Amino acid sequence: MEGVAAAKGMTDIVSSLTSGITSSGLFGTVAEIMPFIIIMIGFAFGYKVLRKVVKGAAKGKANI
């Protein structure tokens, strides 16, 4: 009897996941976090360039 209950529970979980995740909901969430992602990419690029400049300046080189 436990196997039947577990299978029914898994079926309920799968059906709730497939009905709960829609393309509009997914893209709505992505649209909300996109500004944060863009800022993080810009920060990472700036940090990389800054590290390269500081490393070159410590050796007396002017590389960008």
C-alpha atoms as a PDB file:
ATOM      1  CA  MET A   1       0.000   0.000   0.000  1.00  0.00           C
ATOM      2  CA  GLU A   2       2.920   2.359   0.637  1.00  0.00           C
ATOM      3  CA  GLY A   3       4.094   2.044  -2.966  1.00  0.00           C
ATOM      4  CA  VAL A   4       0.734   3.235  -4.249  1.00  0.00           C
ATOM      5  CA  ALA A   5       0.725   6.185  -1.829  1.00  0.00           C
ATOM      6  CA  ALA A   6       4.288   7.126  -2.808  1.00  0.00           C
ATOM      7  CA  ALA A   7       3.440   6.933  -6.519  1.00  0.00           C
ATOM      8  CA  LYS A   8       0.359   9.092  -5.982  1.00  0.00           C
ATOM      9  CA  GLY A   9       2.433  11.581  -3.980  1.00  0.00           C
ATOM     10  CA  MET A  10       5.045  11.772  -6.740  1.00  0.00           C
ATOM     11  CA  THR A  11       2.313  12.235  -9.342  1.00  0.00           C
ATOM     12  CA  ASP A  12       0.881  15.104  -7.289  1.00  0.00           C
ATOM     13  CA  ILE A  13       4.318  16.710  -7.022  1.00  0.00           C
ATOM     14  CA  VAL A  14       4.956  16.438 -10.761  1.00  0.00           C
ATOM     15  CA  SER A  15       1.520  17.777 -11.659  1.00  0.00           C
ATOM     16  CA  SER A  16       1.899  20.740  -9.293  1.00  0.00           C
ATOM     17  CA  LEU A  17       5.308  21.545 -10.768  1.00  0.00           C
ATOM     18  CA  THR A  18       4.122  21.394 -14.360  1.00  0.00           C
ATOM     19  CA  SER A  19       1.013  23.455 -13.653  1.00  0.00           C
ATOM     20  CA  GLY A  20       2.856  25.977 -11.462  1.00  0.00           C
ATOM     21  CA  ILE A  21       5.689  26.801 -13.850  1.00  0.00           C
ATOM     22  CA  THR A  22       4.502  28.750 -16.854  1.00  0.00           C
ATOM     23  CA  SER A  23       6.478  30.645 -19.456  1.00  0.00           C
ATOM     24  CA  SER A  24       5.031  33.971 -18.339  1.00  0.00           C
ATOM     25  CA  GLY A  25       5.912  33.242 -14.713  1.00  0.00           C
ATOM     26  CA  LEU A  26       9.414  32.116 -15.620  1.00  0.00           C
ATOM     27  CA  PHE A  27      10.152  35.118 -17.827  1.00  0.00           C
ATOM     28  CA  GLY A  28       8.604  37.417 -15.237  1.00  0.00           C
ATOM     29  CA  THR A  29      11.105  36.179 -12.676  1.00  0.00           C
ATOM     30  CA  VAL A  30      13.982  36.456 -15.150  1.00  0.00           C
ATOM     31  CA  ALA A  31      12.919  40.023 -15.982  1.00  0.00           C
ATOM     32  CA  GLU A  32      12.997  40.916 -12.281  1.00  0.00           C
ATOM     33  CA  ILE A  33      16.564  39.665 -11.743  1.00  0.00           C
ATOM     34  CA  MET A  34      17.999  40.879 -15.070  1.00  0.00           C
ATOM     35  CA  PRO A  35      19.121  44.313 -13.751  1.00  0.00           C
ATOM     36  CA  PHE A  36      21.054  42.575 -10.976  1.00  0.00           C
ATOM     37  CA  ILE A  37      22.725  40.240 -13.490  1.00  0.00           C
ATOM     38  CA  ILE A  38      23.709  43.158 -15.740  1.00  0.00           C
ATOM     39  CA  ILE A  39      25.211  45.048 -12.794  1.00  0.00           C
ATOM     40  CA  MET A  40      27.171  41.964 -11.704  1.00  0.00           C
ATOM     41  CA  ILE A  41      28.582  41.446 -15.222  1.00  0.00           C
ATOM     42  CA  GLY A  42      29.638  45.103 -15.362  1.00  0.00           C
ATOM     43  CA  PHE A  43      31.237  44.883 -11.926  1.00  0.00           C
ATOM     44  CA  ALA A  44      33.127  41.690 -12.851  1.00  0.00           C
ATOM     45  CA  PHE A  45      34.455  43.272 -16.061  1.00  0.00           C
ATOM     46  CA  GLY A  46      35.513  46.438 -14.253  1.00  0.00           C
ATOM     47  CA  TYR A  47      37.190  44.431 -11.507  1.00  0.00           C
ATOM     48  CA  LYS A  48      39.134  42.414 -14.083  1.00  0.00           C
ATOM     49  CA  VAL A  49      40.339  45.559 -15.866  1.00  0.00           C
ATOM     50  CA  LEU A  50      41.231  47.224 -12.559  1.00  0.00           C
ATOM     51  CA  ARG A  51      43.269  44.216 -11.442  1.00  0.00           C
ATOM     52  CA  LYS A  52      45.145  44.202 -14.746  1.00  0.00           C
ATOM     53  CA  VAL A  53      45.928  47.931 -14.461  1.00  0.00           C
ATOM     54  CA  VAL A  54      47.097  47.626 -10.846  1.00  0.00           C
ATOM     55  CA  LYS A  55      49.231  44.605 -11.673  1.00  0.00           C
ATOM     56  CA  GLY A  56      50.865  46.474 -14.565  1.00  0.00           C
ATOM     57  CA  ALA A  57      51.402  49.613 -12.480  1.00  0.00           C
ATOM     58  CA  ALA A  58      53.171  47.615  -9.776  1.00  0.00           C
ATOM     59  CA  LYS A  59      55.648  46.380 -12.383  1.00  0.00           C
ATOM     60  CA  GLY A  60      56.034  49.826 -13.973  1.00  0.00           C
ATOM     61  CA  LYS A  61      54.071  48.926 -17.100  1.00  0.00           C
ATOM     62  CA  ALA A  62      51.084  50.737 -18.568  1.00  0.00           C
ATOM     63  CA  ASN A  63      48.886  47.990 -20.006  1.00  0.00           C
ATOM     64  CA  ILE A  64      45.145  48.051 -20.494  1.00  0.00           C
END
